Amino acid sequence: MLRFLSLIVGAVLITTPVEAGKKKLPALEDNKAYVLYLEGCPICNQALEYINERYFTRPDVVRVNIETEEGQALLKQCAKKFNFTRILAPVICVGDKYFMGWSGRAAKDFDRYLIDLHE
């Protein structure tokens, strides 16, 4: 399943060009947590459910579908910043840290990274 999602994410990044000049695309900010997810991905849905339950109103937690122009731009910036060799959804970038996928450990890491983000 993860391999399948990795292939889908890679295909989205390769086949969908981001047209420069249409609108200003967002840039990664070090004081925000980015949750880059794939619509319909069950693992992404688990991550979003957890994050929405705890951090729904936090403006520093940004959720972005990677099938959108904004999502692709942010994912490419994360990939460049952290030298990704492969991508598994969801991708979560928090300041100078990142992780991919979701599990109980990922939930704990996300909580800890958010605390570290504002210290």
PDB file of N, CA and C in Angstrom:
ATOM      1  N   MET A   1       0.819  -1.186   0.000  1.00  0.00           N
ATOM      2  CA  MET A   1       0.000   0.000   0.000  1.00  0.00           C
ATOM      3  C   MET A   1       0.868   1.256   0.000  1.00  0.00           C
ATOM      4  N   LEU A   2       1.901   1.302   0.861  1.00  0.00           N
ATOM      5  CA  LEU A   2       2.771   2.473   0.905  1.00  0.00           C
ATOM      6  C   LEU A   2       3.507   2.663  -0.403  1.00  0.00           C
ATOM      7  N   ARG A   3       3.917   1.559  -0.998  1.00  0.00           N
ATOM      8  CA  ARG A   3       4.619   1.645  -2.276  1.00  0.00           C
ATOM      9  C   ARG A   3       3.691   2.228  -3.339  1.00  0.00           C
ATOM     10  N   PHE A   4       2.437   1.796  -3.327  1.00  0.00           N
ATOM     11  CA  PHE A   4       1.435   2.301  -4.265  1.00  0.00           C
ATOM     12  C   PHE A   4       1.252   3.806  -4.084  1.00  0.00           C
ATOM     13  N   LEU A   5       1.137   4.251  -2.818  1.00  0.00           N
ATOM     14  CA  LEU A   5       0.964   5.680  -2.556  1.00  0.00           C
ATOM     15  C   LEU A   5       2.186   6.472  -2.991  1.00  0.00           C
ATOM     16  N   SER A   6       3.360   5.896  -2.780  1.00  0.00           N
ATOM     17  CA  SER A   6       4.586   6.551  -3.205  1.00  0.00           C
ATOM     18  C   SER A   6       4.595   6.750  -4.719  1.00  0.00           C
ATOM     19  N   LEU A   7       4.146   5.753  -5.442  1.00  0.00           N
ATOM     20  CA  LEU A   7       4.080   5.857  -6.900  1.00  0.00           C
ATOM     21  C   LEU A   7       3.073   6.918  -7.333  1.00  0.00           C
ATOM     22  N   ILE A   8       1.937   6.963  -6.660  1.00  0.00           N
ATOM     23  CA  ILE A   8       0.918   7.967  -7.001  1.00  0.00           C
ATOM     24  C   ILE A   8       1.455   9.369  -6.763  1.00  0.00           C
ATOM     25  N   VAL A   9       2.073   9.585  -5.609  1.00  0.00           N
ATOM     26  CA  VAL A   9       2.608  10.901  -5.293  1.00  0.00           C
ATOM     27  C   VAL A   9       3.670  11.292  -6.310  1.00  0.00           C
ATOM     28  N   GLY A  10       4.549  10.371  -6.643  1.00  0.00           N
ATOM     29  CA  GLY A  10       5.576  10.657  -7.643  1.00  0.00           C
ATOM     30  C   GLY A  10       4.976  10.993  -8.990  1.00  0.00           C
ATOM     31  N   ALA A  11       3.946  10.280  -9.385  1.00  0.00           N
ATOM     32  CA  ALA A  11       3.287  10.538 -10.664  1.00  0.00           C
ATOM     33  C   ALA A  11       2.631  11.904 -10.665  1.00  0.00           C
ATOM     34  N   VAL A  12       2.013  12.282  -9.574  1.00  0.00           N
ATOM     35  CA  VAL A  12       1.377  13.605  -9.480  1.00  0.00           C
ATOM     36  C   VAL A  12       2.420  14.696  -9.640  1.00  0.00           C
ATOM     37  N   LEU A  13       3.560  14.531  -8.971  1.00  0.00           N
ATOM     38  CA  LEU A  13       4.608  15.543  -9.053  1.00  0.00           C
ATOM     39  C   LEU A  13       5.212  15.650 -10.453  1.00  0.00           C
ATOM     40  N   ILE A  14       5.351  14.538 -11.116  1.00  0.00           N
ATOM     41  CA  ILE A  14       5.982  14.533 -12.429  1.00  0.00           C
ATOM     42  C   ILE A  14       5.031  15.002 -13.526  1.00  0.00           C
ATOM     43  N   THR A  15       3.770  14.595 -13.468  1.00  0.00           N
ATOM     44  CA  THR A  15       2.863  14.842 -14.577  1.00  0.00           C
ATOM     45  C   THR A  15       2.087  16.144 -14.495  1.00  0.00           C
ATOM     46  N   THR A  16       2.094  16.813 -13.356  1.00  0.00           N
ATOM     47  CA  THR A  16       1.324  18.039 -13.237  1.00  0.00           C
ATOM     48  C   THR A  16       2.267  19.221 -13.127  1.00  0.00           C
ATOM     49  N   PRO A  17       2.418  19.985 -14.196  1.00  0.00           N
ATOM     50  CA  PRO A  17       3.333  21.117 -14.150  1.00  0.00           C
ATOM     51  C   PRO A  17       2.756  22.252 -13.313  1.00  0.00           C
ATOM     52  N   VAL A  18       3.618  22.944 -12.614  1.00  0.00           N
ATOM     53  CA  VAL A  18       3.224  24.145 -11.890  1.00  0.00           C
ATOM     54  C   VAL A  18       3.569  25.316 -12.791  1.00  0.00           C
ATOM     55  N   GLU A  19       2.545  26.029 -13.215  1.00  0.00           N
ATOM     56  CA  GLU A  19       2.749  27.128 -14.143  1.00  0.00           C
ATOM     57  C   GLU A  19       3.165  28.373 -13.388  1.00  0.00           C
ATOM     58  N   ALA A  20       4.373  28.827 -13.668  1.00  0.00           N
ATOM     59  CA  ALA A  20       4.876  30.039 -13.037  1.00  0.00           C
ATOM     60  C   ALA A  20       4.183  31.242 -13.652  1.00  0.00           C
ATOM     61  N   GLY A  21       3.974  32.264 -12.861  1.00  0.00           N
ATOM     62  CA  GLY A  21       3.384  33.486 -13.375  1.00  0.00           C
ATOM     63  C   GLY A  21       1.885  33.565 -13.192  1.00  0.00           C
ATOM     64  N   LYS A  22       1.191  32.452 -13.002  1.00  0.00           N
ATOM     65  CA  LYS A  22      -0.253  32.480 -12.804  1.00  0.00           C
ATOM     66  C   LYS A  22      -0.594  33.164 -11.488  1.00  0.00           C
ATOM     67  N   LYS A  23      -0.012  32.679 -10.422  1.00  0.00           N
ATOM     68  CA  LYS A  23      -0.196  33.266  -9.109  1.00  0.00           C
ATOM     69  C   LYS A  23       1.016  32.941  -8.263  1.00  0.00           C
ATOM     70  N   LYS A  24       1.191  33.724  -7.235  1.00  0.00           N
ATOM     71  CA  LYS A  24       2.337  33.483  -6.358  1.00  0.00           C
ATOM     72  C   LYS A  24       2.078  32.233  -5.528  1.00  0.00           C
ATOM     73  N   LEU A  25       2.981  31.280  -5.619  1.00  0.00           N
ATOM     74  CA  LEU A  25       2.848  30.029  -4.883  1.00  0.00           C
ATOM     75  C   LEU A  25       3.414  30.202  -3.474  1.00  0.00           C
ATOM     76  N   PRO A  26       2.877  29.454  -2.516  1.00  0.00           N
ATOM     77  CA  PRO A  26       3.324  29.595  -1.128  1.00  0.00           C
ATOM     78  C   PRO A  26       4.749  29.097  -0.939  1.00  0.00           C
ATOM     79  N   ALA A  27       5.371  29.622   0.086  1.00  0.00           N
ATOM     80  CA  ALA A  27       6.716  29.180   0.457  1.00  0.00           C
ATOM     81  C   ALA A  27       6.655  28.565   1.850  1.00  0.00           C
ATOM     82  N   LEU A  28       7.483  27.573   2.079  1.00  0.00           N
ATOM     83  CA  LEU A  28       7.572  26.962   3.409  1.00  0.00           C
ATOM     84  C   LEU A  28       8.025  28.005   4.415  1.00  0.00           C
ATOM     85  N   GLU A  29       7.367  28.022   5.551  1.00  0.00           N
ATOM     86  CA  GLU A  29       7.762  28.907   6.642  1.00  0.00           C
ATOM     87  C   GLU A  29       8.237  28.031   7.794  1.00  0.00           C
ATOM     88  N   ASP A  30       9.346  28.400   8.396  1.00  0.00           N
ATOM     89  CA  ASP A  30       9.930  27.583   9.452  1.00  0.00           C
ATOM     90  C   ASP A  30       9.095  27.549  10.729  1.00  0.00           C
ATOM     91  N   ASN A  31       8.164  28.488  10.892  1.00  0.00           N
ATOM     92  CA  ASN A  31       7.363  28.533  12.115  1.00  0.00           C
ATOM     93  C   ASN A  31       5.981  27.890  11.930  1.00  0.00           C
ATOM     94  N   LYS A  32       5.841  27.040  10.907  1.00  0.00           N
ATOM     95  CA  LYS A  32       4.580  26.346  10.658  1.00  0.00           C
ATOM     96  C   LYS A  32       4.822  24.857  10.446  1.00  0.00           C
ATOM     97  N   ALA A  33       3.771  24.090  10.716  1.00  0.00           N
ATOM     98  CA  ALA A  33       3.788  22.648  10.453  1.00  0.00           C
ATOM     99  C   ALA A  33       2.930  22.406   9.223  1.00  0.00           C
ATOM    100  N   TYR A  34       3.476  21.734   8.225  1.00  0.00           N
ATOM    101  CA  TYR A  34       2.758  21.452   6.980  1.00  0.00           C
ATOM    102  C   TYR A  34       2.411  19.969   6.921  1.00  0.00           C
ATOM    103  N   VAL A  35       1.125  19.701   6.756  1.00  0.00           N
ATOM    104  CA  VAL A  35       0.636  18.331   6.605  1.00  0.00           C
ATOM    105  C   VAL A  35       0.222  18.204   5.143  1.00  0.00           C
ATOM    106  N   LEU A  36       1.048  17.545   4.360  1.00  0.00           N
ATOM    107  CA  LEU A  36       0.825  17.410   2.925  1.00  0.00           C
ATOM    108  C   LEU A  36       0.240  16.026   2.676  1.00  0.00           C
ATOM    109  N   TYR A  37      -1.002  15.999   2.271  1.00  0.00           N
ATOM    110  CA  TYR A  37      -1.741  14.740   2.188  1.00  0.00           C
ATOM    111  C   TYR A  37      -2.293  14.505   0.786  1.00  0.00           C
ATOM    112  N   LEU A  38      -2.687  13.283   0.559  1.00  0.00           N
ATOM    113  CA  LEU A  38      -3.289  12.860  -0.699  1.00  0.00           C
ATOM    114  C   LEU A  38      -4.756  12.539  -0.416  1.00  0.00           C
ATOM    115  N   GLU A  39      -5.657  13.184  -1.126  1.00  0.00           N
ATOM    116  CA  GLU A  39      -7.098  12.973  -0.936  1.00  0.00           C
ATOM    117  C   GLU A  39      -7.450  11.509  -1.152  1.00  0.00           C
ATOM    118  N   GLY A  40      -8.210  10.935  -0.225  1.00  0.00           N
ATOM    119  CA  GLY A  40      -8.636   9.548  -0.345  1.00  0.00           C
ATOM    120  C   GLY A  40      -7.647   8.535   0.185  1.00  0.00           C
ATOM    121  N   CYS A  41      -6.497   8.959   0.619  1.00  0.00           N
ATOM    122  CA  CYS A  41      -5.473   8.064   1.174  1.00  0.00           C
ATOM    123  C   CYS A  41      -5.866   7.716   2.606  1.00  0.00           C
ATOM    124  N   PRO A  42      -6.032   6.428   2.919  1.00  0.00           N
ATOM    125  CA  PRO A  42      -6.461   6.048   4.267  1.00  0.00           C
ATOM    126  C   PRO A  42      -5.442   6.422   5.351  1.00  0.00           C
ATOM    127  N   ILE A  43      -4.175   6.353   5.043  1.00  0.00           N
ATOM    128  CA  ILE A  43      -3.150   6.728   6.017  1.00  0.00           C
ATOM    129  C   ILE A  43      -3.181   8.236   6.245  1.00  0.00           C
ATOM    130  N   CYS A  44      -3.353   8.997   5.178  1.00  0.00           N
ATOM    131  CA  CYS A  44      -3.471  10.448   5.298  1.00  0.00           C
ATOM    132  C   CYS A  44      -4.700  10.811   6.124  1.00  0.00           C
ATOM    133  N   ASN A  45      -5.793  10.094   5.914  1.00  0.00           N
ATOM    134  CA  ASN A  45      -7.015  10.357   6.671  1.00  0.00           C
ATOM    135  C   ASN A  45      -6.803  10.127   8.159  1.00  0.00           C
ATOM    136  N   GLN A  46      -6.028   9.103   8.522  1.00  0.00           N
ATOM    137  CA  GLN A  46      -5.720   8.859   9.934  1.00  0.00           C
ATOM    138  C   GLN A  46      -4.945  10.041  10.521  1.00  0.00           C
ATOM    139  N   ALA A  47      -3.965  10.520   9.771  1.00  0.00           N
ATOM    140  CA  ALA A  47      -3.163  11.655  10.232  1.00  0.00           C
ATOM    141  C   ALA A  47      -4.037  12.894  10.385  1.00  0.00           C
ATOM    142  N   LEU A  48      -4.857  13.179   9.385  1.00  0.00           N
ATOM    143  CA  LEU A  48      -5.719  14.357   9.437  1.00  0.00           C
ATOM    144  C   LEU A  48      -6.730  14.275  10.575  1.00  0.00           C
ATOM    145  N   GLU A  49      -7.250  13.089  10.819  1.00  0.00           N
ATOM    146  CA  GLU A  49      -8.202  12.908  11.914  1.00  0.00           C
ATOM    147  C   GLU A  49      -7.536  13.250  13.248  1.00  0.00           C
ATOM    148  N   TYR A  50      -6.354  12.731  13.469  1.00  0.00           N
ATOM    149  CA  TYR A  50      -5.619  13.003  14.704  1.00  0.00           C
ATOM    150  C   TYR A  50      -5.312  14.495  14.825  1.00  0.00           C
ATOM    151  N   ILE A  51      -4.779  15.064  13.777  1.00  0.00           N
ATOM    152  CA  ILE A  51      -4.368  16.467  13.800  1.00  0.00           C
ATOM    153  C   ILE A  51      -5.575  17.388  13.941  1.00  0.00           C
ATOM    154  N   ASN A  52      -6.645  17.104  13.235  1.00  0.00           N
ATOM    155  CA  ASN A  52      -7.840  17.941  13.334  1.00  0.00           C
ATOM    156  C   ASN A  52      -8.467  17.894  14.719  1.00  0.00           C
ATOM    157  N   GLU A  53      -8.438  16.733  15.374  1.00  0.00           N
ATOM    158  CA  GLU A  53      -8.985  16.613  16.732  1.00  0.00           C
ATOM    159  C   GLU A  53      -8.234  17.491  17.727  1.00  0.00           C
ATOM    160  N   ARG A  54      -6.927  17.607  17.547  1.00  0.00           N
ATOM    161  CA  ARG A  54      -6.103  18.305  18.533  1.00  0.00           C
ATOM    162  C   ARG A  54      -5.698  19.713  18.128  1.00  0.00           C
ATOM    163  N   TYR A  55      -5.568  19.961  16.842  1.00  0.00           N
ATOM    164  CA  TYR A  55      -4.968  21.231  16.393  1.00  0.00           C
ATOM    165  C   TYR A  55      -5.817  21.970  15.360  1.00  0.00           C
ATOM    166  N   PHE A  56      -7.120  21.723  15.349  1.00  0.00           N
ATOM    167  CA  PHE A  56      -8.000  22.268  14.316  1.00  0.00           C
ATOM    168  C   PHE A  56      -7.904  23.787  14.190  1.00  0.00           C
ATOM    169  N   THR A  57      -7.826  24.497  15.305  1.00  0.00           N
ATOM    170  CA  THR A  57      -7.849  25.961  15.273  1.00  0.00           C
ATOM    171  C   THR A  57      -6.465  26.598  15.219  1.00  0.00           C
ATOM    172  N   ARG A  58      -5.439  25.806  15.209  1.00  0.00           N
ATOM    173  CA  ARG A  58      -4.084  26.378  15.220  1.00  0.00           C
ATOM    174  C   ARG A  58      -3.699  26.878  13.837  1.00  0.00           C
ATOM    175  N   PRO A  59      -3.399  28.181  13.725  1.00  0.00           N
ATOM    176  CA  PRO A  59      -3.019  28.736  12.417  1.00  0.00           C
ATOM    177  C   PRO A  59      -1.638  28.290  11.953  1.00  0.00           C
ATOM    178  N   ASP A  60      -0.838  27.723  12.856  1.00  0.00           N
ATOM    179  CA  ASP A  60       0.504  27.274  12.478  1.00  0.00           C
ATOM    180  C   ASP A  60       0.524  25.831  11.975  1.00  0.00           C
ATOM    181  N   VAL A  61      -0.644  25.194  11.883  1.00  0.00           N
ATOM    182  CA  VAL A  61      -0.757  23.841  11.328  1.00  0.00           C
ATOM    183  C   VAL A  61      -1.514  23.954  10.011  1.00  0.00           C
ATOM    184  N   VAL A  62      -0.785  23.767   8.924  1.00  0.00           N
ATOM    185  CA  VAL A  62      -1.325  23.971   7.579  1.00  0.00           C
ATOM    186  C   VAL A  62      -1.535  22.624   6.911  1.00  0.00           C
ATOM    187  N   ARG A  63      -2.757  22.364   6.500  1.00  0.00           N
ATOM    188  CA  ARG A  63      -3.096  21.121   5.806  1.00  0.00           C
ATOM    189  C   ARG A  63      -3.268  21.442   4.321  1.00  0.00           C
ATOM    190  N   VAL A  64      -2.553  20.689   3.479  1.00  0.00           N
ATOM    191  CA  VAL A  64      -2.597  20.982   2.044  1.00  0.00           C
ATOM    192  C   VAL A  64      -2.641  19.681   1.249  1.00  0.00           C
ATOM    193  N   ASN A  65      -3.609  19.585   0.358  1.00  0.00           N
ATOM    194  CA  ASN A  65      -3.738  18.449  -0.556  1.00  0.00           C
ATOM    195  C   ASN A  65      -2.630  18.546  -1.597  1.00  0.00           C
ATOM    196  N   ILE A  66      -1.833  17.490  -1.754  1.00  0.00           N
ATOM    197  CA  ILE A  66      -0.712  17.549  -2.694  1.00  0.00           C
ATOM    198  C   ILE A  66      -1.150  17.428  -4.150  1.00  0.00           C
ATOM    199  N   GLU A  67      -2.438  17.259  -4.375  1.00  0.00           N
ATOM    200  CA  GLU A  67      -2.940  17.240  -5.750  1.00  0.00           C
ATOM    201  C   GLU A  67      -3.300  18.647  -6.240  1.00  0.00           C
ATOM    202  N   THR A  68      -3.120  19.646  -5.372  1.00  0.00           N
ATOM    203  CA  THR A  68      -3.375  21.031  -5.769  1.00  0.00           C
ATOM    204  C   THR A  68      -2.067  21.702  -6.160  1.00  0.00           C
ATOM    205  N   GLU A  69      -2.175  22.818  -6.813  1.00  0.00           N
ATOM    206  CA  GLU A  69      -0.988  23.571  -7.218  1.00  0.00           C
ATOM    207  C   GLU A  69      -0.189  24.013  -5.986  1.00  0.00           C
ATOM    208  N   GLU A  70      -0.901  24.477  -4.966  1.00  0.00           N
ATOM    209  CA  GLU A  70      -0.249  24.894  -3.726  1.00  0.00           C
ATOM    210  C   GLU A  70       0.449  23.706  -3.064  1.00  0.00           C
ATOM    211  N   GLY A  71      -0.232  22.567  -3.010  1.00  0.00           N
ATOM    212  CA  GLY A  71       0.334  21.367  -2.404  1.00  0.00           C
ATOM    213  C   GLY A  71       1.579  20.880  -3.127  1.00  0.00           C
ATOM    214  N   GLN A  72       1.547  20.918  -4.436  1.00  0.00           N
ATOM    215  CA  GLN A  72       2.706  20.487  -5.217  1.00  0.00           C
ATOM    216  C   GLN A  72       3.895  21.399  -4.970  1.00  0.00           C
ATOM    217  N   ALA A  73       3.631  22.697  -4.905  1.00  0.00           N
ATOM    218  CA  ALA A  73       4.715  23.653  -4.664  1.00  0.00           C
ATOM    219  C   ALA A  73       5.348  23.412  -3.291  1.00  0.00           C
ATOM    220  N   LEU A  74       4.522  23.222  -2.272  1.00  0.00           N
ATOM    221  CA  LEU A  74       5.047  22.984  -0.926  1.00  0.00           C
ATOM    222  C   LEU A  74       5.769  21.641  -0.829  1.00  0.00           C
ATOM    223  N   LEU A  75       5.224  20.627  -1.485  1.00  0.00           N
ATOM    224  CA  LEU A  75       5.870  19.310  -1.464  1.00  0.00           C
ATOM    225  C   LEU A  75       7.240  19.366  -2.139  1.00  0.00           C
ATOM    226  N   LYS A  76       7.333  20.068  -3.237  1.00  0.00           N
ATOM    227  CA  LYS A  76       8.624  20.198  -3.922  1.00  0.00           C
ATOM    228  C   LYS A  76       9.629  20.933  -3.045  1.00  0.00           C
ATOM    229  N   GLN A  77       9.164  21.954  -2.315  1.00  0.00           N
ATOM    230  CA  GLN A  77      10.064  22.677  -1.417  1.00  0.00           C
ATOM    231  C   GLN A  77      10.545  21.786  -0.277  1.00  0.00           C
ATOM    232  N   CYS A  78       9.633  20.993   0.279  1.00  0.00           N
ATOM    233  CA  CYS A  78      10.014  20.034   1.334  1.00  0.00           C
ATOM    234  C   CYS A  78      11.026  19.032   0.793  1.00  0.00           C
ATOM    235  N   ALA A  79      10.747  18.502  -0.385  1.00  0.00           N
ATOM    236  CA  ALA A  79      11.627  17.504  -0.997  1.00  0.00           C
ATOM    237  C   ALA A  79      13.024  18.077  -1.205  1.00  0.00           C
ATOM    238  N   LYS A  80      13.087  19.312  -1.651  1.00  0.00           N
ATOM    239  CA  LYS A  80      14.384  19.950  -1.876  1.00  0.00           C
ATOM    240  C   LYS A  80      15.089  20.234  -0.546  1.00  0.00           C
ATOM    241  N   LYS A  81      14.349  20.748   0.418  1.00  0.00           N
ATOM    242  CA  LYS A  81      14.918  21.107   1.720  1.00  0.00           C
ATOM    243  C   LYS A  81      15.510  19.894   2.439  1.00  0.00           C
ATOM    244  N   PHE A  82      14.813  18.746   2.352  1.00  0.00           N
ATOM    245  CA  PHE A  82      15.229  17.565   3.099  1.00  0.00           C
ATOM    246  C   PHE A  82      15.853  16.476   2.229  1.00  0.00           C
ATOM    247  N   ASN A  83      16.091  16.746   0.957  1.00  0.00           N
ATOM    248  CA  ASN A  83      16.715  15.780   0.044  1.00  0.00           C
ATOM    249  C   ASN A  83      16.000  14.439   0.013  1.00  0.00           C
ATOM    250  N   PHE A  84      14.693  14.467  -0.212  1.00  0.00           N
ATOM    251  CA  PHE A  84      13.940  13.219  -0.293  1.00  0.00           C
ATOM    252  C   PHE A  84      14.423  12.381  -1.461  1.00  0.00           C
ATOM    253  N   THR A  85      14.559  11.086  -1.240  1.00  0.00           N
ATOM    254  CA  THR A  85      14.850  10.163  -2.336  1.00  0.00           C
ATOM    255  C   THR A  85      13.569   9.450  -2.772  1.00  0.00           C
ATOM    256  N   ARG A  86      12.581   9.434  -1.885  1.00  0.00           N
ATOM    257  CA  ARG A  86      11.260   8.912  -2.216  1.00  0.00           C
ATOM    258  C   ARG A  86      10.246   9.653  -1.353  1.00  0.00           C
ATOM    259  N   ILE A  87       8.990   9.551  -1.735  1.00  0.00           N
ATOM    260  CA  ILE A  87       7.941  10.263  -1.014  1.00  0.00           C
ATOM    261  C   ILE A  87       6.810   9.299  -0.692  1.00  0.00           C
ATOM    262  N   LEU A  88       6.409   9.288   0.580  1.00  0.00           N
ATOM    263  CA  LEU A  88       5.253   8.527   1.038  1.00  0.00           C
ATOM    264  C   LEU A  88       4.284   9.517   1.678  1.00  0.00           C
ATOM    265  N   ALA A  89       3.021   9.379   1.368  1.00  0.00           N
ATOM    266  CA  ALA A  89       2.022  10.282   1.928  1.00  0.00           C
ATOM    267  C   ALA A  89       1.525   9.744   3.260  1.00  0.00           C
ATOM    268  N   PRO A  90       1.212  10.617   4.190  1.00  0.00           N
ATOM    269  CA  PRO A  90       1.395  12.062   4.148  1.00  0.00           C
ATOM    270  C   PRO A  90       2.848  12.446   4.430  1.00  0.00           C
ATOM    271  N   VAL A  91       3.206  13.626   3.988  1.00  0.00           N
ATOM    272  CA  VAL A  91       4.508  14.200   4.284  1.00  0.00           C
ATOM    273  C   VAL A  91       4.245  15.331   5.273  1.00  0.00           C
ATOM    274  N   ILE A  92       4.970  15.324   6.364  1.00  0.00           N
ATOM    275  CA  ILE A  92       4.781  16.346   7.380  1.00  0.00           C
ATOM    276  C   ILE A  92       6.113  17.045   7.607  1.00  0.00           C
ATOM    277  N   CYS A  93       6.126  18.345   7.349  1.00  0.00           N
ATOM    278  CA  CYS A  93       7.322  19.161   7.509  1.00  0.00           C
ATOM    279  C   CYS A  93       7.058  20.163   8.629  1.00  0.00           C
ATOM    280  N   VAL A  94       7.907  20.120   9.647  1.00  0.00           N
ATOM    281  CA  VAL A  94       7.765  21.014  10.800  1.00  0.00           C
ATOM    282  C   VAL A  94       9.122  21.632  11.073  1.00  0.00           C
ATOM    283  N   GLY A  95       9.289  22.883  10.686  1.00  0.00           N
ATOM    284  CA  GLY A  95      10.567  23.554  10.902  1.00  0.00           C
ATOM    285  C   GLY A  95      11.703  22.835  10.213  1.00  0.00           C
ATOM    286  N   ASP A  96      12.655  22.330  11.008  1.00  0.00           N
ATOM    287  CA  ASP A  96      13.812  21.634  10.441  1.00  0.00           C
ATOM    288  C   ASP A  96      13.678  20.112  10.533  1.00  0.00           C
ATOM    289  N   LYS A  97      12.428  19.628  10.729  1.00  0.00           N
ATOM    290  CA  LYS A  97      12.184  18.187  10.829  1.00  0.00           C
ATOM    291  C   LYS A  97      11.085  17.778   9.855  1.00  0.00           C
ATOM    292  N   TYR A  98      11.086  16.510   9.525  1.00  0.00           N
ATOM    293  CA  TYR A  98      10.024  15.975   8.680  1.00  0.00           C
ATOM    294  C   TYR A  98       9.842  14.500   8.985  1.00  0.00           C
ATOM    295  N   PHE A  99       8.709  13.979   8.584  1.00  0.00           N
ATOM    296  CA  PHE A  99       8.497  12.540   8.553  1.00  0.00           C
ATOM    297  C   PHE A  99       7.424  12.230   7.536  1.00  0.00           C
ATOM    298  N   MET A 100       7.367  10.983   7.155  1.00  0.00           N
ATOM    299  CA  MET A 100       6.401  10.523   6.156  1.00  0.00           C
ATOM    300  C   MET A 100       5.611   9.359   6.730  1.00  0.00           C
ATOM    301  N   GLY A 101       4.380   9.228   6.263  1.00  0.00           N
ATOM    302  CA  GLY A 101       3.522   8.169   6.759  1.00  0.00           C
ATOM    303  C   GLY A 101       2.913   8.583   8.084  1.00  0.00           C
ATOM    304  N   TRP A 102       2.201   7.653   8.707  1.00  0.00           N
ATOM    305  CA  TRP A 102       1.544   7.956   9.980  1.00  0.00           C
ATOM    306  C   TRP A 102       1.435   6.702  10.825  1.00  0.00           C
ATOM    307  N   SER A 103       1.679   6.860  12.122  1.00  0.00           N
ATOM    308  CA  SER A 103       1.579   5.765  13.086  1.00  0.00           C
ATOM    309  C   SER A 103       1.443   6.396  14.461  1.00  0.00           C
ATOM    310  N   GLY A 104       1.371   5.572  15.492  1.00  0.00           N
ATOM    311  CA  GLY A 104       1.346   6.090  16.855  1.00  0.00           C
ATOM    312  C   GLY A 104       2.597   6.891  17.171  1.00  0.00           C
ATOM    313  N   ARG A 105       3.712   6.424  16.681  1.00  0.00           N
ATOM    314  CA  ARG A 105       4.964   7.162  16.894  1.00  0.00           C
ATOM    315  C   ARG A 105       4.940   8.499  16.159  1.00  0.00           C
ATOM    316  N   ALA A 106       4.388   8.515  14.950  1.00  0.00           N
ATOM    317  CA  ALA A 106       4.294   9.754  14.184  1.00  0.00           C
ATOM    318  C   ALA A 106       3.453  10.781  14.934  1.00  0.00           C
ATOM    319  N   ALA A 107       2.387  10.324  15.572  1.00  0.00           N
ATOM    320  CA  ALA A 107       1.535  11.229  16.347  1.00  0.00           C
ATOM    321  C   ALA A 107       2.331  11.863  17.485  1.00  0.00           C
ATOM    322  N   LYS A 108       3.114  11.055  18.196  1.00  0.00           N
ATOM    323  CA  LYS A 108       3.944  11.579  19.282  1.00  0.00           C
ATOM    324  C   LYS A 108       5.000  12.540  18.753  1.00  0.00           C
ATOM    325  N   ASP A 109       5.623  12.183  17.629  1.00  0.00           N
ATOM    326  CA  ASP A 109       6.618  13.060  17.013  1.00  0.00           C
ATOM    327  C   ASP A 109       5.984  14.397  16.617  1.00  0.00           C
ATOM    328  N   PHE A 110       4.803  14.331  16.019  1.00  0.00           N
ATOM    329  CA  PHE A 110       4.121  15.560  15.601  1.00  0.00           C
ATOM    330  C   PHE A 110       3.874  16.463  16.816  1.00  0.00           C
ATOM    331  N   ASP A 111       3.361  15.891  17.884  1.00  0.00           N
ATOM    332  CA  ASP A 111       3.113  16.674  19.103  1.00  0.00           C
ATOM    333  C   ASP A 111       4.402  17.311  19.608  1.00  0.00           C
ATOM    334  N   ARG A 112       5.468  16.519  19.678  1.00  0.00           N
ATOM    335  CA  ARG A 112       6.759  17.017  20.172  1.00  0.00           C
ATOM    336  C   ARG A 112       7.328  18.090  19.240  1.00  0.00           C
ATOM    337  N   TYR A 113       7.238  17.867  17.941  1.00  0.00           N
ATOM    338  CA  TYR A 113       7.771  18.847  16.981  1.00  0.00           C
ATOM    339  C   TYR A 113       7.036  20.171  17.080  1.00  0.00           C
ATOM    340  N   LEU A 114       5.726  20.126  17.324  1.00  0.00           N
ATOM    341  CA  LEU A 114       4.974  21.375  17.477  1.00  0.00           C
ATOM    342  C   LEU A 114       5.432  22.144  18.717  1.00  0.00           C
ATOM    343  N   ILE A 115       5.704  21.426  19.800  1.00  0.00           N
ATOM    344  CA  ILE A 115       6.212  22.085  21.006  1.00  0.00           C
ATOM    345  C   ILE A 115       7.576  22.690  20.713  1.00  0.00           C
ATOM    346  N   ASP A 116       8.450  21.924  20.075  1.00  0.00           N
ATOM    347  CA  ASP A 116       9.802  22.410  19.743  1.00  0.00           C
ATOM    348  C   ASP A 116       9.751  23.600  18.797  1.00  0.00           C
ATOM    349  N   LEU A 117       8.749  23.648  17.946  1.00  0.00           N
ATOM    350  CA  LEU A 117       8.629  24.701  16.936  1.00  0.00           C
ATOM    351  C   LEU A 117       8.535  26.084  17.565  1.00  0.00           C
ATOM    352  N   HIS A 118       7.939  26.166  18.742  1.00  0.00           N
ATOM    353  CA  HIS A 118       7.690  27.467  19.354  1.00  0.00           C
ATOM    354  C   HIS A 118       8.531  27.728  20.610  1.00  0.00           C
ATOM    355  N   GLU A 119       9.546  26.906  20.810  1.00  0.00           N
ATOM    356  CA  GLU A 119      10.452  27.147  21.957  1.00  0.00           C
ATOM    357  C   GLU A 119      11.591  28.041  21.575  1.00  0.00           C
TER     358      GLU A 119
END
